[in-house]
């Protein structure tokens, strides 16, 4: 198929790599054009504007940072919606509040296209391997049209309801995961007197009922960070975690609900970012917390 991708950051690029490996023809755009170079080297075509991506594609994926980035890609003189559509299907995959995909879908319908949302669970590794968890919201007919493509990208695809439901579920599944990084740091502070080697300590914690599935494949990175190793490029960085937590708090406020655990975790992660940790991997948060509390 002719697929377009709007947004080639970490996740967008990883998804695009998966699509190239699956044999699709790919046209890509990113606000910072240099971030498309690696995909072009693998056979993708870089477009100068979002509207060029749409014109070249049957299905367009958008994987963008937040609501303002979505507006920048879709609106404006050269945005994705600046020309009439030819029944293209859009799959909006960003982590945003539910109101954002609902409003965007209405604009896409008015321009002659269709849209579903499919925010995903998983980081760059699962994205490259086609092992994401897709949380889909939209009309049944549009979802079925997208399903063959989503099946190539996701190990599981759940149609959870109308537009907006996918965004709600994505925020819900991310909240305990992101708060866990703070809980893990506090747990390690309590375990410090035992004096265990970091790898052994993490192995024990990962094999208990309190550990999320994440620890099965990221526990090694946590242990390396505790031992002082450089983890290299982030899978999911602290600034992205902070963005998601702020989005959760905004949605909770709109619903009239308090999210005290998310708020407390955000405070800690804001402090980490203020000390230059913003682009570091979330797996380093526990080690950072221990350093702040004088624990080695």
Protein backbone atom coordinates (compact mmCIF):
# COMPACT_ATOMS: atom_id res chain seq x y z
CA UNK A 1 0.00 0.00 0.00
CA UNK A 2 0.93 3.65 -0.31
CA UNK A 3 1.33 4.81 3.28
CA UNK A 4 2.11 8.26 4.62
CA UNK A 5 3.62 9.08 8.01
CA UNK A 6 3.35 12.50 9.61
CA UNK A 7 5.93 12.70 12.40
CA UNK A 8 9.17 10.73 12.38
CA UNK A 9 10.38 11.09 15.94
CA UNK A 10 11.40 7.99 17.88
CA UNK A 11 8.06 6.20 17.64
CA UNK A 12 7.10 7.48 14.20
CA UNK A 13 10.43 6.36 12.76
CA UNK A 14 10.19 2.94 14.40
CA UNK A 15 6.69 2.43 13.00
CA UNK A 16 7.86 3.61 9.59
CA UNK A 17 10.71 1.08 9.65
CA UNK A 18 8.18 -1.66 10.34
CA UNK A 19 6.04 -0.52 7.41
CA UNK A 20 9.05 -0.49 5.07
CA UNK A 21 10.00 -3.98 6.21
CA UNK A 22 6.41 -5.06 5.45
CA UNK A 23 6.77 -3.95 1.83
CA UNK A 24 4.77 -0.74 1.78
CA UNK A 25 5.61 2.36 -0.23
CA UNK A 26 6.24 5.13 2.28
CA UNK A 27 6.09 8.93 2.10
CA UNK A 28 7.19 10.72 5.27
CA UNK A 29 7.22 14.22 6.71
CA UNK A 30 8.65 15.72 9.85
CA UNK A 31 8.82 19.30 11.04
CA UNK A 32 12.59 18.82 11.47
CA UNK A 33 13.41 17.44 8.03
CA UNK A 34 16.70 15.86 9.11
CA UNK A 35 14.74 13.26 11.07
CA UNK A 36 13.54 11.68 7.82
CA UNK A 37 17.06 11.01 6.47
CA UNK A 38 17.45 7.49 7.89
CA UNK A 39 14.09 6.45 6.45
CA UNK A 40 14.93 7.92 3.04
CA UNK A 41 18.13 5.88 3.08
CA UNK A 42 15.94 2.79 3.48
CA UNK A 43 13.68 3.69 0.57
CA UNK A 44 11.08 6.12 1.90
CA UNK A 45 10.30 9.37 0.08
CA UNK A 46 10.55 12.59 2.09
CA UNK A 47 7.86 15.21 1.48
CA UNK A 48 8.40 18.91 2.06
CA UNK A 49 4.88 19.46 3.45
CA UNK A 50 2.14 17.37 5.06
CA UNK A 51 -0.23 17.94 2.14
CA UNK A 52 2.29 16.25 -0.17
CA UNK A 53 2.22 13.18 2.08
CA UNK A 54 -1.57 13.03 1.85
CA UNK A 55 -1.57 13.37 -1.94
CA UNK A 56 0.83 10.41 -2.26
CA UNK A 57 -0.96 8.09 0.19
CA UNK A 58 -3.98 5.84 0.62
CA UNK A 59 -3.60 5.72 4.39
CA UNK A 60 -1.89 8.39 6.49
CA UNK A 61 -0.54 7.79 10.00
CA UNK A 62 0.19 10.71 12.31
CA UNK A 63 2.50 10.12 15.27
CA UNK A 64 2.99 13.54 16.84
CA UNK A 65 4.01 14.99 20.19
CA UNK A 66 0.84 16.72 21.32
CA UNK A 67 -2.28 18.62 20.24
CA UNK A 68 -0.30 21.66 19.08
CA UNK A 69 1.92 19.47 16.89
CA UNK A 70 -1.20 17.84 15.42
CA UNK A 71 -2.63 21.26 14.57
CA UNK A 72 0.67 22.30 12.97
CA UNK A 73 0.67 19.17 10.77
CA UNK A 74 -2.99 19.26 9.74
CA UNK A 75 -3.76 22.98 9.65
CA UNK A 76 -2.24 25.90 7.81
CA UNK A 77 -1.48 26.66 4.18
CA UNK A 78 0.40 23.41 3.52
CA UNK A 79 -1.12 21.23 6.21
CA UNK A 80 -2.61 17.81 5.61
CA UNK A 81 -6.08 19.32 5.25
CA UNK A 82 -5.14 22.22 3.01
CA UNK A 83 -6.47 20.43 -0.12
CA UNK A 84 -9.57 18.29 -0.71
CA UNK A 85 -9.12 14.65 0.21
CA UNK A 86 -9.65 11.66 -2.05
CA UNK A 87 -11.21 9.35 0.57
CA UNK A 88 -7.90 8.75 2.33
CA UNK A 89 -8.03 7.05 5.71
CA UNK A 90 -6.14 8.73 8.54
CA UNK A 91 -4.93 6.86 11.62
CA UNK A 92 -4.11 9.29 14.42
CA UNK A 93 -1.69 7.59 16.84
CA UNK A 94 -0.53 10.36 19.18
CA UNK A 95 -1.01 10.33 22.96
CA UNK A 96 -3.44 13.19 23.53
CA UNK A 97 -6.70 13.98 25.30
CA UNK A 98 -9.86 12.47 23.75
CA UNK A 99 -11.19 15.83 22.56
CA UNK A 100 -8.29 16.13 20.10
CA UNK A 101 -9.04 13.10 17.85
CA UNK A 102 -12.77 13.79 18.05
CA UNK A 103 -12.30 17.32 16.71
CA UNK A 104 -9.72 16.27 14.12
CA UNK A 105 -11.96 13.51 12.73
CA UNK A 106 -14.76 16.01 12.13
CA UNK A 107 -12.40 18.20 10.08
CA UNK A 108 -11.17 15.20 8.09
CA UNK A 109 -14.72 14.09 7.31
CA UNK A 110 -15.58 17.59 6.15
CA UNK A 111 -12.59 17.49 3.78
CA UNK A 112 -13.64 14.16 2.25
CA UNK A 113 -11.64 11.62 4.23
CA UNK A 114 -12.13 9.29 7.19
CA UNK A 115 -10.24 8.85 10.45
CA UNK A 116 -9.76 6.45 13.31
CA UNK A 117 -7.51 6.86 16.32
CA UNK A 118 -5.04 4.19 17.40
CA UNK A 119 -2.70 5.27 20.18
CA UNK A 120 -0.45 2.36 21.07
CA UNK A 121 1.14 0.71 24.04
CA UNK A 122 4.83 -0.04 23.57
CA UNK A 123 8.11 1.71 22.83
CA UNK A 124 10.48 1.76 19.88
CA UNK A 125 11.54 -1.88 20.17
CA UNK A 126 8.01 -3.31 19.93
CA UNK A 127 7.22 -0.73 17.21
CA UNK A 128 10.04 -2.03 15.00
CA UNK A 129 8.96 -5.63 15.64
CA UNK A 130 5.24 -5.10 15.03
CA UNK A 131 4.40 -5.89 18.66
CA UNK A 132 2.51 -2.80 19.77
CA UNK A 133 -0.87 -2.85 21.51
CA UNK A 134 -3.36 -0.80 19.48
CA UNK A 135 -6.24 0.96 21.25
CA UNK A 136 -8.65 1.91 18.48
CA UNK A 137 -11.53 4.35 18.50
CA UNK A 138 -13.74 5.04 15.50
CA UNK A 139 -16.52 3.84 13.23
CA UNK A 140 -16.60 0.08 12.67
CA UNK A 141 -16.27 0.30 8.88
CA UNK A 142 -13.23 2.58 9.13
CA UNK A 143 -11.64 0.31 11.73
CA UNK A 144 -12.06 -2.72 9.48
CA UNK A 145 -10.46 -0.84 6.61
CA UNK A 146 -7.43 -0.12 8.82
CA UNK A 147 -7.24 -3.51 10.53
CA UNK A 148 -4.94 -5.31 8.02
CA UNK A 149 -2.36 -2.54 8.34
CA UNK A 150 -2.70 -2.36 12.12
CA UNK A 151 -2.23 -6.13 12.31
CA UNK A 152 1.22 -5.68 10.76
CA UNK A 153 2.12 -3.13 13.43
CA UNK A 154 0.47 -4.54 16.55
CA UNK A 155 0.46 -7.84 18.42
CA UNK A 156 -3.06 -6.97 19.60
CA UNK A 157 -5.66 -4.56 18.26
CA UNK A 158 -8.64 -3.64 20.45
CA UNK A 159 -11.53 -1.58 19.09
CA UNK A 160 -12.53 0.01 22.38
CA UNK A 161 -15.34 2.31 21.19
CA UNK A 162 -16.04 5.51 19.28
CA UNK A 163 -13.52 8.24 18.60
CA UNK A 164 -12.02 9.43 21.86
CA UNK A 165 -12.23 6.02 23.54
CA UNK A 166 -8.78 5.05 22.29
CA UNK A 167 -7.25 8.21 23.74
CA UNK A 168 -8.98 7.62 27.07
CA UNK A 169 -7.67 4.06 27.25
CA UNK A 170 -4.14 5.10 26.29
CA UNK A 171 -3.99 7.60 29.14
CA UNK A 172 -5.41 4.96 31.49
CA UNK A 173 -2.86 2.27 30.62
CA UNK A 174 0.07 4.69 30.74
CA UNK A 175 -0.73 6.14 34.16
CA UNK A 176 0.20 3.15 36.38
CA UNK A 177 3.21 2.43 34.19
CA UNK A 178 4.62 5.93 34.50
CA UNK A 179 3.88 6.21 38.20
CA UNK A 180 5.67 2.89 38.67
CA UNK A 181 9.04 4.45 37.87
CA UNK A 182 8.67 6.64 40.96
CA UNK A 183 7.39 3.74 43.07
CA UNK A 184 10.37 1.65 41.97
CA UNK A 185 12.83 4.32 43.09
CA UNK A 186 11.19 4.46 46.50
CA UNK A 187 11.16 0.64 46.76
CA UNK A 188 14.87 0.52 45.95
CA UNK A 189 15.56 3.02 48.71
CA UNK A 190 13.96 0.61 51.17
CA UNK A 191 15.94 -2.32 49.73
CA UNK A 192 19.29 -0.52 49.87
CA UNK A 193 20.33 -1.82 53.32
CA UNK A 194 20.30 -5.38 51.95
CA UNK A 195 23.31 -4.44 49.83
CA UNK A 196 22.37 -6.63 46.87
CA UNK A 197 24.02 -6.32 43.46
CA UNK A 198 21.74 -4.17 41.21
CA UNK A 199 21.18 -6.95 38.67
CA UNK A 200 20.18 -9.44 41.38
CA UNK A 201 17.95 -6.91 43.13
CA UNK A 202 16.09 -6.03 39.94
CA UNK A 203 15.77 -9.70 39.01
CA UNK A 204 14.08 -10.38 42.36
CA UNK A 205 11.73 -7.39 42.09
CA UNK A 206 10.82 -8.22 38.48
CA UNK A 207 9.71 -11.70 39.51
CA UNK A 208 7.17 -10.51 42.07
CA UNK A 209 3.47 -9.76 41.80
CA UNK A 210 4.11 -6.03 42.23
CA UNK A 211 6.19 -5.69 39.05
CA UNK A 212 4.60 -4.66 35.73
CA UNK A 213 5.30 -6.63 32.57
CA UNK A 214 7.62 -3.78 31.61
CA UNK A 215 10.22 -5.06 34.06
CA UNK A 216 10.59 -8.32 32.15
CA UNK A 217 12.25 -6.52 29.25
CA UNK A 218 13.44 -3.23 30.81
CA UNK A 219 14.67 -4.53 34.13
CA UNK A 220 18.15 -5.00 32.68
CA UNK A 221 18.25 -1.33 31.72
CA UNK A 222 17.21 -0.31 35.24
CA UNK A 223 19.97 -2.49 36.73
CA UNK A 224 22.52 -0.99 34.33
CA UNK A 225 21.47 2.53 35.32
CA UNK A 226 21.80 1.61 39.01
CA UNK A 227 25.32 0.37 38.28
CA UNK A 228 26.19 3.70 36.64
CA UNK A 229 26.13 2.60 33.00
CA UNK A 230 25.14 4.90 30.14
CA UNK A 231 21.94 3.53 28.56
CA UNK A 232 22.46 5.39 25.29
CA UNK A 233 19.51 6.78 23.28
CA UNK A 234 16.22 6.74 25.19
CA UNK A 235 13.40 4.34 24.38
CA UNK A 236 10.90 6.66 26.10
CA UNK A 237 12.46 9.76 27.55
CA UNK A 238 11.63 11.65 30.73
CA UNK A 239 10.29 14.70 28.88
CA UNK A 240 7.81 12.42 27.07
CA UNK A 241 6.79 10.89 30.40
CA UNK A 242 6.21 14.37 31.81
CA UNK A 243 4.11 15.33 28.78
CA UNK A 244 1.92 12.26 29.18
CA UNK A 245 1.45 12.83 32.92
CA UNK A 246 0.45 16.45 32.32
CA UNK A 247 -2.05 15.26 29.70
CA UNK A 248 -3.51 12.79 32.22
CA UNK A 249 -3.85 15.52 34.85
CA UNK A 250 -5.54 17.86 32.37
CA UNK A 251 -8.02 15.15 31.37
CA UNK A 252 -8.66 14.25 35.01
CA UNK A 253 -9.36 17.90 35.79
CA UNK A 254 -11.78 18.09 32.85
CA UNK A 255 -13.58 15.03 34.22
CA UNK A 256 -13.68 16.47 37.75
CA UNK A 257 -11.38 13.77 39.12
CA UNK A 258 -8.20 14.03 41.17
CA UNK A 259 -5.10 12.02 40.21
CA UNK A 260 -2.81 12.51 43.22
CA UNK A 261 -0.35 9.71 42.41
CA UNK A 262 0.17 11.05 38.89
CA UNK A 263 0.62 14.59 40.25
CA UNK A 264 3.22 13.47 42.78
CA UNK A 265 5.15 11.46 40.20
CA UNK A 266 5.14 14.44 37.82
CA UNK A 267 6.68 16.61 40.53
CA UNK A 268 9.60 14.20 40.87
CA UNK A 269 10.09 13.89 37.12
CA UNK A 270 9.96 17.67 36.70
CA UNK A 271 12.79 17.86 39.22
CA UNK A 272 14.77 15.29 37.21
CA UNK A 273 14.25 17.29 34.03
CA UNK A 274 15.40 20.47 35.76
CA UNK A 275 18.71 18.71 36.40
CA UNK A 276 19.23 17.89 32.72
CA UNK A 277 17.57 14.46 32.66
CA UNK A 278 14.79 15.35 30.22
CA UNK A 279 16.17 13.42 27.25
CA UNK A 280 17.28 10.43 29.34
CA UNK A 281 15.43 7.12 29.36
CA UNK A 282 12.67 6.56 31.89
CA UNK A 283 14.54 3.49 33.11
CA UNK A 284 17.06 5.91 34.66
CA UNK A 285 14.50 7.57 36.93
CA UNK A 286 14.90 5.09 39.80
CA UNK A 287 18.68 5.57 39.86
CA UNK A 288 18.22 9.35 39.77
CA UNK A 289 15.78 9.18 42.70
CA UNK A 290 18.24 7.17 44.78
CA UNK A 291 21.00 9.69 44.10
CA UNK A 292 18.74 12.54 45.21
CA UNK A 293 18.07 10.74 48.47
CA UNK A 294 21.70 9.96 49.21
CA UNK A 295 21.29 6.22 48.56
CA UNK A 296 23.95 4.25 46.70
